[in-house]
């Protein structure tokens, strides 16, 4: 059974354009995602959009432990982007 946030988002999604959805999530990522790693699993967005969401989340987060978790997730995404870039050029 999906989490309440995911159900709420799924109910809203047909009424929202992808751009509007992205902007809403970027304004308040914890409203949609339970943990930063959930951003990486969201298949509606590309890696650059995921990075924007994570950076926005980090900018609003005050808890040092939570910021560390966001930073670790950003580092994973950066590694993935670098690997994809290396693979595309190599």
PDB file of N, CA and C in Angstrom:
ATOM      1  N   UNK A   1       0.855  -1.181   0.000  1.00  0.00           N
ATOM      2  CA  UNK A   1       0.000   0.000   0.000  1.00  0.00           C
ATOM      3  C   UNK A   1       0.896   1.238   0.000  1.00  0.00           C
ATOM      4  N   UNK A   2       0.678   2.184  -0.930  1.00  0.00           N
ATOM      5  CA  UNK A   2       1.531   3.363  -0.972  1.00  0.00           C
ATOM      6  C   UNK A   2       1.337   4.258   0.235  1.00  0.00           C
ATOM      7  N   UNK A   3       2.373   5.007   0.539  1.00  0.00           N
ATOM      8  CA  UNK A   3       2.299   5.947   1.661  1.00  0.00           C
ATOM      9  C   UNK A   3       1.243   7.008   1.374  1.00  0.00           C
ATOM     10  N   UNK A   4       0.762   7.646   2.414  1.00  0.00           N
ATOM     11  CA  UNK A   4      -0.278   8.659   2.272  1.00  0.00           C
ATOM     12  C   UNK A   4       0.148   9.762   1.316  1.00  0.00           C
ATOM     13  N   UNK A   5       1.380  10.229   1.439  1.00  0.00           N
ATOM     14  CA  UNK A   5       1.863  11.287   0.555  1.00  0.00           C
ATOM     15  C   UNK A   5       1.799  10.856  -0.899  1.00  0.00           C
ATOM     16  N   UNK A   6       2.215   9.623  -1.170  1.00  0.00           N
ATOM     17  CA  UNK A   6       2.206   9.125  -2.542  1.00  0.00           C
ATOM     18  C   UNK A   6       0.779   9.009  -3.064  1.00  0.00           C
ATOM     19  N   UNK A   7      -0.147   8.588  -2.208  1.00  0.00           N
ATOM     20  CA  UNK A   7      -1.564   8.510  -2.625  1.00  0.00           C
ATOM     21  C   UNK A   7      -2.102   9.897  -2.923  1.00  0.00           C
ATOM     22  N   UNK A   8      -1.784  10.844  -2.050  1.00  0.00           N
ATOM     23  CA  UNK A   8      -2.238  12.213  -2.262  1.00  0.00           C
ATOM     24  C   UNK A   8      -1.685  12.763  -3.565  1.00  0.00           C
ATOM     25  N   UNK A   9      -0.408  12.518  -3.819  1.00  0.00           N
ATOM     26  CA  UNK A   9       0.215  13.006  -5.031  1.00  0.00           C
ATOM     27  C   UNK A   9      -0.387  12.324  -6.256  1.00  0.00           C
ATOM     28  N   UNK A  10      -0.621  11.029  -6.166  1.00  0.00           N
ATOM     29  CA  UNK A  10      -1.214  10.305  -7.286  1.00  0.00           C
ATOM     30  C   UNK A  10      -2.603  10.851  -7.605  1.00  0.00           C
ATOM     31  N   UNK A  11      -3.349  11.231  -6.591  1.00  0.00           N
ATOM     32  CA  UNK A  11      -4.680  11.797  -6.806  1.00  0.00           C
ATOM     33  C   UNK A  11      -4.588  13.168  -7.460  1.00  0.00           C
ATOM     34  N   UNK A  12      -3.558  13.941  -7.108  1.00  0.00           N
ATOM     35  CA  UNK A  12      -3.375  15.279  -7.666  1.00  0.00           C
ATOM     36  C   UNK A  12      -2.792  15.250  -9.061  1.00  0.00           C
ATOM     37  N   UNK A  13      -1.969  14.270  -9.349  1.00  0.00           N
ATOM     38  CA  UNK A  13      -1.142  14.261 -10.548  1.00  0.00           C
ATOM     39  C   UNK A  13      -1.911  14.457 -11.855  1.00  0.00           C
ATOM     40  N   UNK A  14      -3.044  13.817 -12.070  1.00  0.00           N
ATOM     41  CA  UNK A  14      -3.718  14.022 -13.351  1.00  0.00           C
ATOM     42  C   UNK A  14      -4.115  15.479 -13.588  1.00  0.00           C
ATOM     43  N   UNK A  15      -4.296  16.231 -12.535  1.00  0.00           N
ATOM     44  CA  UNK A  15      -4.712  17.619 -12.670  1.00  0.00           C
ATOM     45  C   UNK A  15      -3.535  18.572 -12.834  1.00  0.00           C
ATOM     46  N   UNK A  16      -2.322  18.085 -12.605  1.00  0.00           N
ATOM     47  CA  UNK A  16      -1.145  18.946 -12.653  1.00  0.00           C
ATOM     48  C   UNK A  16      -0.310  18.648 -13.893  1.00  0.00           C
ATOM     49  N   UNK A  17       0.173  19.690 -14.521  1.00  0.00           N
ATOM     50  CA  UNK A  17       1.142  19.476 -15.587  1.00  0.00           C
ATOM     51  C   UNK A  17       2.454  19.052 -14.935  1.00  0.00           C
ATOM     52  N   UNK A  18       3.319  18.442 -15.714  1.00  0.00           N
ATOM     53  CA  UNK A  18       4.605  18.017 -15.160  1.00  0.00           C
ATOM     54  C   UNK A  18       5.383  19.217 -14.630  1.00  0.00           C
ATOM     55  N   UNK A  19       5.350  20.330 -15.346  1.00  0.00           N
ATOM     56  CA  UNK A  19       6.075  21.524 -14.911  1.00  0.00           C
ATOM     57  C   UNK A  19       5.527  22.036 -13.585  1.00  0.00           C
ATOM     58  N   UNK A  20       4.216  22.095 -13.451  1.00  0.00           N
ATOM     59  CA  UNK A  20       3.582  22.556 -12.212  1.00  0.00           C
ATOM     60  C   UNK A  20       3.906  21.597 -11.068  1.00  0.00           C
ATOM     61  N   UNK A  21       3.827  20.300 -11.339  1.00  0.00           N
ATOM     62  CA  UNK A  21       4.159  19.293 -10.338  1.00  0.00           C
ATOM     63  C   UNK A  21       5.596  19.473  -9.863  1.00  0.00           C
ATOM     64  N   UNK A  22       6.512  19.643 -10.817  1.00  0.00           N
ATOM     65  CA  UNK A  22       7.924  19.837 -10.487  1.00  0.00           C
ATOM     66  C   UNK A  22       8.111  21.069  -9.604  1.00  0.00           C
ATOM     67  N   UNK A  23       7.474  22.170  -9.981  1.00  0.00           N
ATOM     68  CA  UNK A  23       7.598  23.408  -9.195  1.00  0.00           C
ATOM     69  C   UNK A  23       7.030  23.230  -7.787  1.00  0.00           C
ATOM     70  N   UNK A  24       5.903  22.547  -7.668  1.00  0.00           N
ATOM     71  CA  UNK A  24       5.315  22.301  -6.346  1.00  0.00           C
ATOM     72  C   UNK A  24       6.230  21.444  -5.482  1.00  0.00           C
ATOM     73  N   UNK A  25       6.791  20.412  -6.070  1.00  0.00           N
ATOM     74  CA  UNK A  25       7.696  19.536  -5.322  1.00  0.00           C
ATOM     75  C   UNK A  25       8.953  20.294  -4.925  1.00  0.00           C
ATOM     76  N   UNK A  26       9.489  21.081  -5.844  1.00  0.00           N
ATOM     77  CA  UNK A  26      10.716  21.828  -5.560  1.00  0.00           C
ATOM     78  C   UNK A  26      10.522  22.823  -4.415  1.00  0.00           C
ATOM     79  N   UNK A  27       9.341  23.372  -4.299  1.00  0.00           N
ATOM     80  CA  UNK A  27       9.064  24.317  -3.204  1.00  0.00           C
ATOM     81  C   UNK A  27       9.057  23.634  -1.842  1.00  0.00           C
ATOM     82  N   UNK A  28       8.641  22.355  -1.799  1.00  0.00           N
ATOM     83  CA  UNK A  28       8.540  21.665  -0.507  1.00  0.00           C
ATOM     84  C   UNK A  28       8.727  20.156  -0.694  1.00  0.00           C
ATOM     85  N   UNK A  29       9.956  19.706  -0.986  1.00  0.00           N
ATOM     86  CA  UNK A  29      10.194  18.286  -1.244  1.00  0.00           C
ATOM     87  C   UNK A  29       9.741  17.330  -0.136  1.00  0.00           C
ATOM     88  N   UNK A  30       9.921  17.672   1.166  1.00  0.00           N
ATOM     89  CA  UNK A  30       9.508  16.716   2.202  1.00  0.00           C
ATOM     90  C   UNK A  30       7.996  16.461   2.242  1.00  0.00           C
ATOM     91  N   UNK A  31       7.232  17.322   1.600  1.00  0.00           N
ATOM     92  CA  UNK A  31       5.786  17.095   1.545  1.00  0.00           C
ATOM     93  C   UNK A  31       5.468  15.868   0.677  1.00  0.00           C
ATOM     94  N   UNK A  32       6.344  15.592  -0.285  1.00  0.00           N
ATOM     95  CA  UNK A  32       6.120  14.496  -1.229  1.00  0.00           C
ATOM     96  C   UNK A  32       7.005  13.286  -0.927  1.00  0.00           C
ATOM     97  N   UNK A  33       8.266  13.550  -0.587  1.00  0.00           N
ATOM     98  CA  UNK A  33       9.234  12.471  -0.390  1.00  0.00           C
ATOM     99  C   UNK A  33       9.536  12.281   1.092  1.00  0.00           C
ATOM    100  N   UNK A  34       9.541  11.021   1.508  1.00  0.00           N
ATOM    101  CA  UNK A  34       9.841  10.703   2.902  1.00  0.00           C
ATOM    102  C   UNK A  34      11.319  10.877   3.203  1.00  0.00           C
ATOM    103  N   UNK A  35      12.173  10.417   2.286  1.00  0.00           N
ATOM    104  CA  UNK A  35      13.626  10.526   2.445  1.00  0.00           C
ATOM    105  C   UNK A  35      14.224  10.996   1.120  1.00  0.00           C
ATOM    106  N   UNK A  36      15.419  11.608   1.160  1.00  0.00           N
ATOM    107  CA  UNK A  36      16.023  12.104  -0.081  1.00  0.00           C
ATOM    108  C   UNK A  36      16.207  11.034  -1.163  1.00  0.00           C
ATOM    109  N   UNK A  37      16.508   9.813  -0.778  1.00  0.00           N
ATOM    110  CA  UNK A  37      16.692   8.749  -1.774  1.00  0.00           C
ATOM    111  C   UNK A  37      15.420   8.498  -2.589  1.00  0.00           C
ATOM    112  N   UNK A  38      14.265   8.853  -2.043  1.00  0.00           N
ATOM    113  CA  UNK A  38      13.016   8.698  -2.797  1.00  0.00           C
ATOM    114  C   UNK A  38      13.006   9.565  -4.049  1.00  0.00           C
ATOM    115  N   UNK A  39      13.720  10.687  -4.011  1.00  0.00           N
ATOM    116  CA  UNK A  39      13.803  11.559  -5.184  1.00  0.00           C
ATOM    117  C   UNK A  39      14.458  10.801  -6.339  1.00  0.00           C
ATOM    118  N   UNK A  40      15.490  10.019  -6.033  1.00  0.00           N
ATOM    119  CA  UNK A  40      16.203   9.278  -7.072  1.00  0.00           C
ATOM    120  C   UNK A  40      15.335   8.188  -7.699  1.00  0.00           C
ATOM    121  N   UNK A  41      14.363   7.707  -6.961  1.00  0.00           N
ATOM    122  CA  UNK A  41      13.492   6.639  -7.463  1.00  0.00           C
ATOM    123  C   UNK A  41      12.272   7.167  -8.220  1.00  0.00           C
ATOM    124  N   UNK A  42      12.073   8.468  -8.196  1.00  0.00           N
ATOM    125  CA  UNK A  42      10.910   9.058  -8.858  1.00  0.00           C
ATOM    126  C   UNK A  42      11.151   9.095 -10.368  1.00  0.00           C
ATOM    127  N   UNK A  43      10.441   8.249 -11.092  1.00  0.00           N
ATOM    128  CA  UNK A  43      10.673   8.081 -12.524  1.00  0.00           C
ATOM    129  C   UNK A  43      10.016   9.167 -13.378  1.00  0.00           C
ATOM    130  N   UNK A  44       9.311  10.071 -12.746  1.00  0.00           N
ATOM    131  CA  UNK A  44       8.664  11.141 -13.516  1.00  0.00           C
ATOM    132  C   UNK A  44       9.651  12.209 -13.952  1.00  0.00           C
ATOM    133  N   UNK A  45      10.825  12.252 -13.311  1.00  0.00           N
ATOM    134  CA  UNK A  45      11.774  13.320 -13.570  1.00  0.00           C
ATOM    135  C   UNK A  45      13.118  12.774 -14.020  1.00  0.00           C
ATOM    136  N   UNK A  46      13.828  13.602 -14.780  1.00  0.00           N
ATOM    137  CA  UNK A  46      15.186  13.267 -15.189  1.00  0.00           C
ATOM    138  C   UNK A  46      16.167  13.621 -14.086  1.00  0.00           C
ATOM    139  N   UNK A  47      17.419  13.244 -14.295  1.00  0.00           N
ATOM    140  CA  UNK A  47      18.430  13.473 -13.259  1.00  0.00           C
ATOM    141  C   UNK A  47      18.665  14.952 -12.968  1.00  0.00           C
ATOM    142  N   UNK A  48      18.586  15.800 -13.972  1.00  0.00           N
ATOM    143  CA  UNK A  48      18.799  17.234 -13.723  1.00  0.00           C
ATOM    144  C   UNK A  48      17.658  17.803 -12.870  1.00  0.00           C
ATOM    145  N   UNK A  49      16.443  17.358 -13.119  1.00  0.00           N
ATOM    146  CA  UNK A  49      15.314  17.796 -12.289  1.00  0.00           C
ATOM    147  C   UNK A  49      15.444  17.245 -10.875  1.00  0.00           C
ATOM    148  N   UNK A  50      15.881  15.994 -10.767  1.00  0.00           N
ATOM    149  CA  UNK A  50      16.103  15.413  -9.439  1.00  0.00           C
ATOM    150  C   UNK A  50      17.136  16.227  -8.668  1.00  0.00           C
ATOM    151  N   UNK A  51      18.188  16.648  -9.358  1.00  0.00           N
ATOM    152  CA  UNK A  51      19.231  17.448  -8.710  1.00  0.00           C
ATOM    153  C   UNK A  51      18.643  18.766  -8.212  1.00  0.00           C
ATOM    154  N   UNK A  52      17.812  19.402  -9.004  1.00  0.00           N
ATOM    155  CA  UNK A  52      17.192  20.662  -8.572  1.00  0.00           C
ATOM    156  C   UNK A  52      16.322  20.452  -7.336  1.00  0.00           C
ATOM    157  N   UNK A  53      15.590  19.364  -7.312  1.00  0.00           N
ATOM    158  CA  UNK A  53      14.734  19.060  -6.149  1.00  0.00           C
ATOM    159  C   UNK A  53      15.593  18.860  -4.905  1.00  0.00           C
ATOM    160  N   UNK A  54      16.655  18.076  -5.029  1.00  0.00           N
ATOM    161  CA  UNK A  54      17.526  17.815  -3.881  1.00  0.00           C
ATOM    162  C   UNK A  54      18.217  19.085  -3.394  1.00  0.00           C
ATOM    163  N   UNK A  55      18.665  19.914  -4.305  1.00  0.00           N
ATOM    164  CA  UNK A  55      19.318  21.164  -3.902  1.00  0.00           C
ATOM    165  C   UNK A  55      18.327  22.110  -3.220  1.00  0.00           C
ATOM    166  N   UNK A  56      17.111  22.133  -3.724  1.00  0.00           N
ATOM    167  CA  UNK A  56      16.083  22.960  -3.079  1.00  0.00           C
ATOM    168  C   UNK A  56      15.809  22.438  -1.671  1.00  0.00           C
ATOM    169  N   UNK A  57      15.719  21.122  -1.535  1.00  0.00           N
ATOM    170  CA  UNK A  57      15.480  20.510  -0.229  1.00  0.00           C
ATOM    171  C   UNK A  57      16.611  20.879   0.729  1.00  0.00           C
ATOM    172  N   UNK A  58      17.839  20.778   0.247  1.00  0.00           N
ATOM    173  CA  UNK A  58      18.983  21.093   1.106  1.00  0.00           C
ATOM    174  C   UNK A  58      18.946  22.552   1.547  1.00  0.00           C
ATOM    175  N   UNK A  59      18.535  23.436   0.658  1.00  0.00           N
ATOM    176  CA  UNK A  59      18.469  24.847   0.983  1.00  0.00           C
ATOM    177  C   UNK A  59      17.455  25.176   2.065  1.00  0.00           C
ATOM    178  N   UNK A  60      16.445  24.333   2.239  1.00  0.00           N
ATOM    179  CA  UNK A  60      15.402  24.571   3.244  1.00  0.00           C
ATOM    180  C   UNK A  60      15.632  23.798   4.535  1.00  0.00           C
ATOM    181  N   UNK A  61      16.489  22.793   4.480  1.00  0.00           N
ATOM    182  CA  UNK A  61      16.677  21.895   5.634  1.00  0.00           C
ATOM    183  C   UNK A  61      17.556  22.550   6.688  1.00  0.00           C
ATOM    184  N   UNK A  62      17.124  22.477   7.935  1.00  0.00           N
ATOM    185  CA  UNK A  62      17.878  23.062   9.053  1.00  0.00           C
ATOM    186  C   UNK A  62      18.588  22.007   9.903  1.00  0.00           C
ATOM    187  N   UNK A  63      18.116  20.787   9.872  1.00  0.00           N
ATOM    188  CA  UNK A  63      18.693  19.706  10.678  1.00  0.00           C
ATOM    189  C   UNK A  63      19.995  19.216  10.027  1.00  0.00           C
ATOM    190  N   UNK A  64      21.126  19.325  10.729  1.00  0.00           N
ATOM    191  CA  UNK A  64      22.405  18.907  10.140  1.00  0.00           C
ATOM    192  C   UNK A  64      22.426  17.451   9.674  1.00  0.00           C
ATOM    193  N   UNK A  65      21.796  16.565  10.412  1.00  0.00           N
ATOM    194  CA  UNK A  65      21.781  15.153  10.014  1.00  0.00           C
ATOM    195  C   UNK A  65      21.001  14.974   8.712  1.00  0.00           C
ATOM    196  N   UNK A  66      19.890  15.681   8.587  1.00  0.00           N
ATOM    197  CA  UNK A  66      19.099  15.607   7.359  1.00  0.00           C
ATOM    198  C   UNK A  66      19.877  16.205   6.182  1.00  0.00           C
ATOM    199  N   UNK A  67      20.582  17.311   6.438  1.00  0.00           N
ATOM    200  CA  UNK A  67      21.382  17.916   5.366  1.00  0.00           C
ATOM    201  C   UNK A  67      22.484  16.964   4.913  1.00  0.00           C
ATOM    202  N   UNK A  68      23.074  16.242   5.858  1.00  0.00           N
ATOM    203  CA  UNK A  68      24.104  15.254   5.499  1.00  0.00           C
ATOM    204  C   UNK A  68      23.520  14.169   4.607  1.00  0.00           C
ATOM    205  N   UNK A  69      22.304  13.724   4.921  1.00  0.00           N
ATOM    206  CA  UNK A  69      21.658  12.696   4.101  1.00  0.00           C
ATOM    207  C   UNK A  69      21.361  13.236   2.694  1.00  0.00           C
ATOM    208  N   UNK A  70      20.930  14.478   2.619  1.00  0.00           N
ATOM    209  CA  UNK A  70      20.671  15.101   1.315  1.00  0.00           C
ATOM    210  C   UNK A  70      21.980  15.234   0.537  1.00  0.00           C
ATOM    211  N   UNK A  71      23.045  15.663   1.207  1.00  0.00           N
ATOM    212  CA  UNK A  71      24.348  15.790   0.547  1.00  0.00           C
ATOM    213  C   UNK A  71      24.831  14.444   0.005  1.00  0.00           C
ATOM    214  N   UNK A  72      24.637  13.386   0.760  1.00  0.00           N
ATOM    215  CA  UNK A  72      25.043  12.051   0.309  1.00  0.00           C
ATOM    216  C   UNK A  72      24.226  11.628  -0.921  1.00  0.00           C
ATOM    217  N   UNK A  73      22.955  11.982  -0.935  1.00  0.00           N
ATOM    218  CA  UNK A  73      22.101  11.639  -2.074  1.00  0.00           C
ATOM    219  C   UNK A  73      22.513  12.451  -3.301  1.00  0.00           C
ATOM    220  N   UNK A  74      22.840  13.720  -3.098  1.00  0.00           N
ATOM    221  CA  UNK A  74      23.327  14.549  -4.200  1.00  0.00           C
ATOM    222  C   UNK A  74      24.627  13.973  -4.757  1.00  0.00           C
ATOM    223  N   UNK A  75      25.520  13.521  -3.882  1.00  0.00           N
ATOM    224  CA  UNK A  75      26.788  12.923  -4.325  1.00  0.00           C
ATOM    225  C   UNK A  75      26.538  11.675  -5.168  1.00  0.00           C
ATOM    226  N   UNK A  76      25.573  10.844  -4.772  1.00  0.00           N
ATOM    227  CA  UNK A  76      25.235   9.656  -5.569  1.00  0.00           C
ATOM    228  C   UNK A  76      24.740  10.061  -6.952  1.00  0.00           C
ATOM    229  N   UNK A  77      23.902  11.065  -6.988  1.00  0.00           N
ATOM    230  CA  UNK A  77      23.368  11.521  -8.261  1.00  0.00           C
ATOM    231  C   UNK A  77      24.467  12.118  -9.131  1.00  0.00           C
ATOM    232  N   UNK A  78      25.372  12.881  -8.529  1.00  0.00           N
ATOM    233  CA  UNK A  78      26.496  13.444  -9.289  1.00  0.00           C
ATOM    234  C   UNK A  78      27.367  12.335  -9.873  1.00  0.00           C
ATOM    235  N   UNK A  79      27.598  11.275  -9.090  1.00  0.00           N
ATOM    236  CA  UNK A  79      28.374  10.130  -9.591  1.00  0.00           C
ATOM    237  C   UNK A  79      27.668   9.496 -10.776  1.00  0.00           C
ATOM    238  N   UNK A  80      26.366   9.349 -10.674  1.00  0.00           N
ATOM    239  CA  UNK A  80      25.579   8.761 -11.760  1.00  0.00           C
ATOM    240  C   UNK A  80      25.657   9.640 -13.008  1.00  0.00           C
ATOM    241  N   UNK A  81      25.564  10.946 -12.826  1.00  0.00           N
ATOM    242  CA  UNK A  81      25.647  11.858 -13.966  1.00  0.00           C
ATOM    243  C   UNK A  81      27.030  11.819 -14.614  1.00  0.00           C
ATOM    244  N   UNK A  82      28.080  11.755 -13.784  1.00  0.00           N
ATOM    245  CA  UNK A  82      29.442  11.670 -14.317  1.00  0.00           C
ATOM    246  C   UNK A  82      29.658  10.368 -15.078  1.00  0.00           C
ATOM    247  N   UNK A  83      29.168   9.284 -14.523  1.00  0.00           N
ATOM    248  CA  UNK A  83      29.303   7.983 -15.170  1.00  0.00           C
ATOM    249  C   UNK A  83      28.587   7.965 -16.520  1.00  0.00           C
ATOM    250  N   UNK A  84      27.405   8.557 -16.549  1.00  0.00           N
ATOM    251  CA  UNK A  84      26.640   8.621 -17.798  1.00  0.00           C
ATOM    252  C   UNK A  84      27.370   9.485 -18.818  1.00  0.00           C
ATOM    253  N   UNK A  85      27.963  10.574 -18.353  1.00  0.00           N
ATOM    254  CA  UNK A  85      28.700  11.468 -19.237  1.00  0.00           C
ATOM    255  C   UNK A  85      29.954  10.776 -19.782  1.00  0.00           C
ATOM    256  N   UNK A  86      30.683  10.069 -18.919  1.00  0.00           N
ATOM    257  CA  UNK A  86      31.872   9.339 -19.331  1.00  0.00           C
ATOM    258  C   UNK A  86      31.507   8.246 -20.331  1.00  0.00           C
ATOM    259  N   UNK A  87      30.399   7.581 -20.083  1.00  0.00           N
ATOM    260  CA  UNK A  87      29.955   6.501 -20.965  1.00  0.00           C
ATOM    261  C   UNK A  87      29.555   7.063 -22.327  1.00  0.00           C
ATOM    262  N   UNK A  88      28.932   8.222 -22.334  1.00  0.00           N
ATOM    263  CA  UNK A  88      28.487   8.824 -23.590  1.00  0.00           C
ATOM    264  C   UNK A  88      29.659   9.333 -24.420  1.00  0.00           C
ATOM    265  N   UNK A  89      30.730   9.771 -23.773  1.00  0.00           N
ATOM    266  CA  UNK A  89      31.883  10.295 -24.512  1.00  0.00           C
ATOM    267  C   UNK A  89      32.937   9.234 -24.779  1.00  0.00           C
ATOM    268  N   UNK A  90      32.835   8.099 -24.090  1.00  0.00           N
ATOM    269  CA  UNK A  90      33.875   7.075 -24.214  1.00  0.00           C
ATOM    270  C   UNK A  90      33.528   5.968 -25.050  1.00  0.00           C
TER     271      UNK A  90
END
